[in-house]
């Protein structure tokens, strides 16, 4: 990093669509499965975004088409990581979660979140500890909550409000 590079700030809203099934605490998104997929590709969640537009920059090259909580909204990436139950006193998870962007201006970039997620609390935060591509040297936080959950289908939508700073002027192909 040279000393003239400035940090860019981005406040975004991302919805994580997931379907819980399988054995134990395994998260599986059935809509990701198609014939010929390897078993390793079956795990994780779909990532959709209402907007990934920097607060002070409304230019078209930063625009990802509006989507969001609708099950048929446009997919902008996927969530992958390790999630474990880590508390005997309350329902809490330790999460190492990577958002992998697969379309739009952040295609090929990732954000890595890490932290304790106390499921019983309304407001929860995870630290953003890094990123790749456009989000190199990322730092910040993401607040999260359950937007909706259908017990019959085990389908849920998790909201992530992401507040991140990263090096300005980098692209995923640099």
C-alpha atoms as a PDB file:
ATOM      1  CA  UNK A   1       0.000   0.000   0.000  1.00  0.00           C
ATOM      2  CA  UNK A   2       1.493   3.349  -0.937  1.00  0.00           C
ATOM      3  CA  UNK A   3       0.946   6.301   1.352  1.00  0.00           C
ATOM      4  CA  UNK A   4      -1.199   8.221  -1.147  1.00  0.00           C
ATOM      5  CA  UNK A   5      -3.940   5.593  -1.333  1.00  0.00           C
ATOM      6  CA  UNK A   6      -7.057   6.465   0.626  1.00  0.00           C
ATOM      7  CA  UNK A   7      -9.585   4.213   2.260  1.00  0.00           C
ATOM      8  CA  UNK A   8     -12.987   4.094   0.552  1.00  0.00           C
ATOM      9  CA  UNK A   9     -16.113   3.580   2.642  1.00  0.00           C
ATOM     10  CA  UNK A  10     -19.039   1.411   1.581  1.00  0.00           C
ATOM     11  CA  UNK A  11     -22.315   0.883   3.448  1.00  0.00           C
ATOM     12  CA  UNK A  12     -24.334  -1.972   1.958  1.00  0.00           C
ATOM     13  CA  UNK A  13     -27.281  -4.216   2.648  1.00  0.00           C
ATOM     14  CA  UNK A  14     -27.032  -7.900   1.733  1.00  0.00           C
ATOM     15  CA  UNK A  15     -29.601 -10.663   2.220  1.00  0.00           C
ATOM     16  CA  UNK A  16     -28.384 -14.217   2.755  1.00  0.00           C
ATOM     17  CA  UNK A  17     -30.975 -16.774   1.581  1.00  0.00           C
ATOM     18  CA  UNK A  18     -30.429 -20.157   3.206  1.00  0.00           C
ATOM     19  CA  UNK A  19     -32.169 -23.450   3.672  1.00  0.00           C
ATOM     20  CA  UNK A  20     -31.265 -25.509   6.723  1.00  0.00           C
ATOM     21  CA  UNK A  21     -31.318 -29.268   6.255  1.00  0.00           C
ATOM     22  CA  UNK A  22     -29.164 -32.313   6.709  1.00  0.00           C
ATOM     23  CA  UNK A  23     -27.565 -33.753   9.818  1.00  0.00           C
ATOM     24  CA  UNK A  24     -26.570 -31.752  12.881  1.00  0.00           C
ATOM     25  CA  UNK A  25     -25.663 -28.133  12.280  1.00  0.00           C
ATOM     26  CA  UNK A  26     -25.027 -28.438   8.551  1.00  0.00           C
ATOM     27  CA  UNK A  27     -26.272 -25.545   6.444  1.00  0.00           C
ATOM     28  CA  UNK A  28     -27.296 -26.512   2.949  1.00  0.00           C
ATOM     29  CA  UNK A  29     -28.921 -24.481   0.228  1.00  0.00           C
ATOM     30  CA  UNK A  30     -30.902 -26.955  -1.848  1.00  0.00           C
ATOM     31  CA  UNK A  31     -31.379 -24.443  -4.659  1.00  0.00           C
ATOM     32  CA  UNK A  32     -27.605 -24.501  -5.258  1.00  0.00           C
ATOM     33  CA  UNK A  33     -27.647 -28.216  -6.098  1.00  0.00           C
ATOM     34  CA  UNK A  34     -27.777 -29.262  -9.727  1.00  0.00           C
ATOM     35  CA  UNK A  35     -26.922 -32.491 -11.517  1.00  0.00           C
ATOM     36  CA  UNK A  36     -23.203 -33.036 -11.859  1.00  0.00           C
ATOM     37  CA  UNK A  37     -22.240 -30.806  -8.910  1.00  0.00           C
ATOM     38  CA  UNK A  38     -19.545 -32.088  -6.596  1.00  0.00           C
ATOM     39  CA  UNK A  39     -20.622 -32.555  -2.974  1.00  0.00           C
ATOM     40  CA  UNK A  40     -18.225 -29.772  -1.891  1.00  0.00           C
ATOM     41  CA  UNK A  41     -20.230 -27.296  -3.961  1.00  0.00           C
ATOM     42  CA  UNK A  42     -23.508 -28.082  -2.186  1.00  0.00           C
ATOM     43  CA  UNK A  43     -22.763 -26.240   1.042  1.00  0.00           C
ATOM     44  CA  UNK A  44     -23.375 -22.567   1.658  1.00  0.00           C
ATOM     45  CA  UNK A  45     -25.906 -19.903   1.028  1.00  0.00           C
ATOM     46  CA  UNK A  46     -26.954 -17.592  -1.768  1.00  0.00           C
ATOM     47  CA  UNK A  47     -26.128 -13.940  -1.376  1.00  0.00           C
ATOM     48  CA  UNK A  48     -28.405 -11.228  -2.716  1.00  0.00           C
ATOM     49  CA  UNK A  49     -28.132  -7.500  -2.436  1.00  0.00           C
ATOM     50  CA  UNK A  50     -30.581  -4.618  -2.306  1.00  0.00           C
ATOM     51  CA  UNK A  51     -27.738  -2.268  -3.175  1.00  0.00           C
ATOM     52  CA  UNK A  52     -23.985  -2.230  -3.025  1.00  0.00           C
ATOM     53  CA  UNK A  53     -23.643   1.451  -3.811  1.00  0.00           C
ATOM     54  CA  UNK A  54     -21.085   3.546  -1.908  1.00  0.00           C
ATOM     55  CA  UNK A  55     -22.933   6.170   0.131  1.00  0.00           C
ATOM     56  CA  UNK A  56     -21.267   9.099  -1.663  1.00  0.00           C
ATOM     57  CA  UNK A  57     -21.059   7.558  -5.148  1.00  0.00           C
ATOM     58  CA  UNK A  58     -24.201   6.927  -7.196  1.00  0.00           C
ATOM     59  CA  UNK A  59     -22.441   6.163 -10.510  1.00  0.00           C
ATOM     60  CA  UNK A  60     -23.766   3.331 -12.651  1.00  0.00           C
ATOM     61  CA  UNK A  61     -20.549   1.297 -12.467  1.00  0.00           C
ATOM     62  CA  UNK A  62     -21.166   0.699  -8.756  1.00  0.00           C
ATOM     63  CA  UNK A  63     -24.812  -0.299  -9.190  1.00  0.00           C
ATOM     64  CA  UNK A  64     -25.948  -3.850  -8.661  1.00  0.00           C
ATOM     65  CA  UNK A  65     -29.586  -4.299  -9.720  1.00  0.00           C
ATOM     66  CA  UNK A  66     -31.972  -4.106  -6.800  1.00  0.00           C
ATOM     67  CA  UNK A  67     -32.897  -7.437  -5.360  1.00  0.00           C
ATOM     68  CA  UNK A  68     -33.224  -8.546  -1.774  1.00  0.00           C
ATOM     69  CA  UNK A  69     -35.491 -10.586   0.423  1.00  0.00           C
ATOM     70  CA  UNK A  70     -37.606 -12.147  -2.346  1.00  0.00           C
ATOM     71  CA  UNK A  71     -36.656 -15.795  -2.897  1.00  0.00           C
ATOM     72  CA  UNK A  72     -36.385 -15.104  -6.641  1.00  0.00           C
ATOM     73  CA  UNK A  73     -34.259 -11.961  -6.323  1.00  0.00           C
ATOM     74  CA  UNK A  74     -31.053 -11.717  -8.327  1.00  0.00           C
ATOM     75  CA  UNK A  75     -28.115 -13.663  -6.896  1.00  0.00           C
ATOM     76  CA  UNK A  76     -24.963 -11.538  -6.487  1.00  0.00           C
ATOM     77  CA  UNK A  77     -22.805 -14.083  -4.690  1.00  0.00           C
ATOM     78  CA  UNK A  78     -22.662 -16.788  -2.080  1.00  0.00           C
ATOM     79  CA  UNK A  79     -21.778 -17.147   1.585  1.00  0.00           C
ATOM     80  CA  UNK A  80     -19.287 -19.812   2.619  1.00  0.00           C
ATOM     81  CA  UNK A  81     -17.624 -20.493   5.923  1.00  0.00           C
ATOM     82  CA  UNK A  82     -17.483 -22.330   9.196  1.00  0.00           C
ATOM     83  CA  UNK A  83     -20.259 -21.913  11.747  1.00  0.00           C
ATOM     84  CA  UNK A  84     -20.153 -23.669  15.121  1.00  0.00           C
ATOM     85  CA  UNK A  85     -22.274 -23.587  18.274  1.00  0.00           C
ATOM     86  CA  UNK A  86     -20.043 -22.177  21.015  1.00  0.00           C
ATOM     87  CA  UNK A  87     -22.001 -21.436  24.177  1.00  0.00           C
ATOM     88  CA  UNK A  88     -23.677 -23.611  26.789  1.00  0.00           C
ATOM     89  CA  UNK A  89     -25.559 -20.719  28.438  1.00  0.00           C
ATOM     90  CA  UNK A  90     -27.374 -19.311  25.369  1.00  0.00           C
ATOM     91  CA  UNK A  91     -27.762 -20.018  21.647  1.00  0.00           C
ATOM     92  CA  UNK A  92     -24.627 -18.509  20.168  1.00  0.00           C
ATOM     93  CA  UNK A  93     -22.549 -19.239  17.097  1.00  0.00           C
ATOM     94  CA  UNK A  94     -18.941 -18.525  16.260  1.00  0.00           C
ATOM     95  CA  UNK A  95     -18.884 -17.609  12.598  1.00  0.00           C
ATOM     96  CA  UNK A  96     -16.075 -17.430  10.052  1.00  0.00           C
ATOM     97  CA  UNK A  97     -18.087 -16.304   7.048  1.00  0.00           C
ATOM     98  CA  UNK A  98     -16.884 -15.321   3.584  1.00  0.00           C
ATOM     99  CA  UNK A  99     -19.123 -13.436   1.177  1.00  0.00           C
ATOM    100  CA  UNK A 100     -17.995 -14.341  -2.352  1.00  0.00           C
ATOM    101  CA  UNK A 101     -19.321 -11.889  -4.964  1.00  0.00           C
ATOM    102  CA  UNK A 102     -20.043 -13.507  -8.350  1.00  0.00           C
ATOM    103  CA  UNK A 103     -21.589 -10.631 -10.332  1.00  0.00           C
ATOM    104  CA  UNK A 104     -21.636  -6.862 -10.600  1.00  0.00           C
ATOM    105  CA  UNK A 105     -18.754  -4.488  -9.879  1.00  0.00           C
ATOM    106  CA  UNK A 106     -17.495  -6.659  -6.995  1.00  0.00           C
ATOM    107  CA  UNK A 107     -17.381  -9.877  -9.074  1.00  0.00           C
ATOM    108  CA  UNK A 108     -14.446 -11.990  -7.871  1.00  0.00           C
ATOM    109  CA  UNK A 109     -14.068 -10.071  -4.610  1.00  0.00           C
ATOM    110  CA  UNK A 110     -14.682 -11.399  -1.104  1.00  0.00           C
ATOM    111  CA  UNK A 111     -15.378 -10.066   2.380  1.00  0.00           C
ATOM    112  CA  UNK A 112     -14.401 -12.105   5.450  1.00  0.00           C
ATOM    113  CA  UNK A 113     -16.421 -11.786   8.662  1.00  0.00           C
ATOM    114  CA  UNK A 114     -15.534 -13.286  12.011  1.00  0.00           C
ATOM    115  CA  UNK A 115     -17.163 -13.244  15.413  1.00  0.00           C
ATOM    116  CA  UNK A 116     -19.627 -14.491  17.976  1.00  0.00           C
ATOM    117  CA  UNK A 117     -23.288 -14.347  16.984  1.00  0.00           C
ATOM    118  CA  UNK A 118     -25.678 -14.581  19.984  1.00  0.00           C
ATOM    119  CA  UNK A 119     -28.819 -15.809  18.216  1.00  0.00           C
ATOM    120  CA  UNK A 120     -31.253 -14.689  20.934  1.00  0.00           C
ATOM    121  CA  UNK A 121     -30.288 -11.036  20.693  1.00  0.00           C
ATOM    122  CA  UNK A 122     -32.065  -8.674  18.293  1.00  0.00           C
ATOM    123  CA  UNK A 123     -28.907  -6.706  17.378  1.00  0.00           C
ATOM    124  CA  UNK A 124     -25.764  -8.673  16.535  1.00  0.00           C
ATOM    125  CA  UNK A 125     -22.431  -7.669  14.987  1.00  0.00           C
ATOM    126  CA  UNK A 126     -19.618  -9.497  13.239  1.00  0.00           C
ATOM    127  CA  UNK A 127     -16.213  -7.956  12.552  1.00  0.00           C
ATOM    128  CA  UNK A 128     -15.083  -7.610   8.949  1.00  0.00           C
ATOM    129  CA  UNK A 129     -11.464  -8.716   9.199  1.00  0.00           C
ATOM    130  CA  UNK A 130     -10.384  -8.631   5.562  1.00  0.00           C
ATOM    131  CA  UNK A 131     -11.224  -9.106   1.946  1.00  0.00           C
ATOM    132  CA  UNK A 132      -9.859  -9.776  -1.515  1.00  0.00           C
ATOM    133  CA  UNK A 133     -10.168  -8.108  -4.913  1.00  0.00           C
ATOM    134  CA  UNK A 134     -11.859  -4.720  -4.612  1.00  0.00           C
ATOM    135  CA  UNK A 135     -12.072  -5.246  -0.833  1.00  0.00           C
ATOM    136  CA  UNK A 136      -8.325  -5.704  -0.173  1.00  0.00           C
ATOM    137  CA  UNK A 137      -7.334  -4.442   3.265  1.00  0.00           C
ATOM    138  CA  UNK A 138     -11.029  -4.317   4.259  1.00  0.00           C
ATOM    139  CA  UNK A 139     -12.071  -3.613   7.816  1.00  0.00           C
ATOM    140  CA  UNK A 140     -15.389  -2.800   9.394  1.00  0.00           C
ATOM    141  CA  UNK A 141     -18.426  -4.561  10.791  1.00  0.00           C
ATOM    142  CA  UNK A 142     -21.692  -6.163   9.740  1.00  0.00           C
ATOM    143  CA  UNK A 143     -24.863  -6.078  11.802  1.00  0.00           C
ATOM    144  CA  UNK A 144     -27.148  -9.036  11.237  1.00  0.00           C
ATOM    145  CA  UNK A 145     -30.621 -10.239  12.045  1.00  0.00           C
ATOM    146  CA  UNK A 146     -33.140 -12.812  10.856  1.00  0.00           C
ATOM    147  CA  UNK A 147     -35.483 -11.172   8.328  1.00  0.00           C
ATOM    148  CA  UNK A 148     -37.716 -14.220   7.968  1.00  0.00           C
ATOM    149  CA  UNK A 149     -37.735 -17.943   8.665  1.00  0.00           C
ATOM    150  CA  UNK A 150     -40.259 -20.568   7.543  1.00  0.00           C
ATOM    151  CA  UNK A 151     -40.263 -23.530   9.948  1.00  0.00           C
ATOM    152  CA  UNK A 152     -42.105 -25.798   7.477  1.00  0.00           C
ATOM    153  CA  UNK A 153     -39.600 -25.354   4.638  1.00  0.00           C
ATOM    154  CA  UNK A 154     -36.520 -24.522   6.778  1.00  0.00           C
ATOM    155  CA  UNK A 155     -35.976 -21.521   4.502  1.00  0.00           C
ATOM    156  CA  UNK A 156     -34.678 -18.311   6.019  1.00  0.00           C
ATOM    157  CA  UNK A 157     -33.413 -14.903   4.986  1.00  0.00           C
ATOM    158  CA  UNK A 158     -30.685 -13.266   7.063  1.00  0.00           C
ATOM    159  CA  UNK A 159     -30.012  -9.545   6.689  1.00  0.00           C
ATOM    160  CA  UNK A 160     -26.468  -8.174   6.819  1.00  0.00           C
ATOM    161  CA  UNK A 161     -25.910  -4.421   6.990  1.00  0.00           C
ATOM    162  CA  UNK A 162     -22.268  -4.086   5.997  1.00  0.00           C
ATOM    163  CA  UNK A 163     -20.097  -1.082   6.896  1.00  0.00           C
ATOM    164  CA  UNK A 164     -16.647  -1.510   5.376  1.00  0.00           C
ATOM    165  CA  UNK A 165     -13.564   0.563   4.557  1.00  0.00           C
ATOM    166  CA  UNK A 166     -11.089  -0.683   1.948  1.00  0.00           C
ATOM    167  CA  UNK A 167      -8.292   0.644  -0.246  1.00  0.00           C
ATOM    168  CA  UNK A 168      -9.594   2.939  -2.965  1.00  0.00           C
ATOM    169  CA  UNK A 169      -8.740   2.293  -6.594  1.00  0.00           C
ATOM    170  CA  UNK A 170      -8.114  -1.450  -6.490  1.00  0.00           C
ATOM    171  CA  UNK A 171     -10.039  -3.828  -8.702  1.00  0.00           C
ATOM    172  CA  UNK A 172     -10.541  -7.577  -8.529  1.00  0.00           C
ATOM    173  CA  UNK A 173      -8.140  -8.165 -11.441  1.00  0.00           C
ATOM    174  CA  UNK A 174      -5.165  -6.192 -10.023  1.00  0.00           C
END
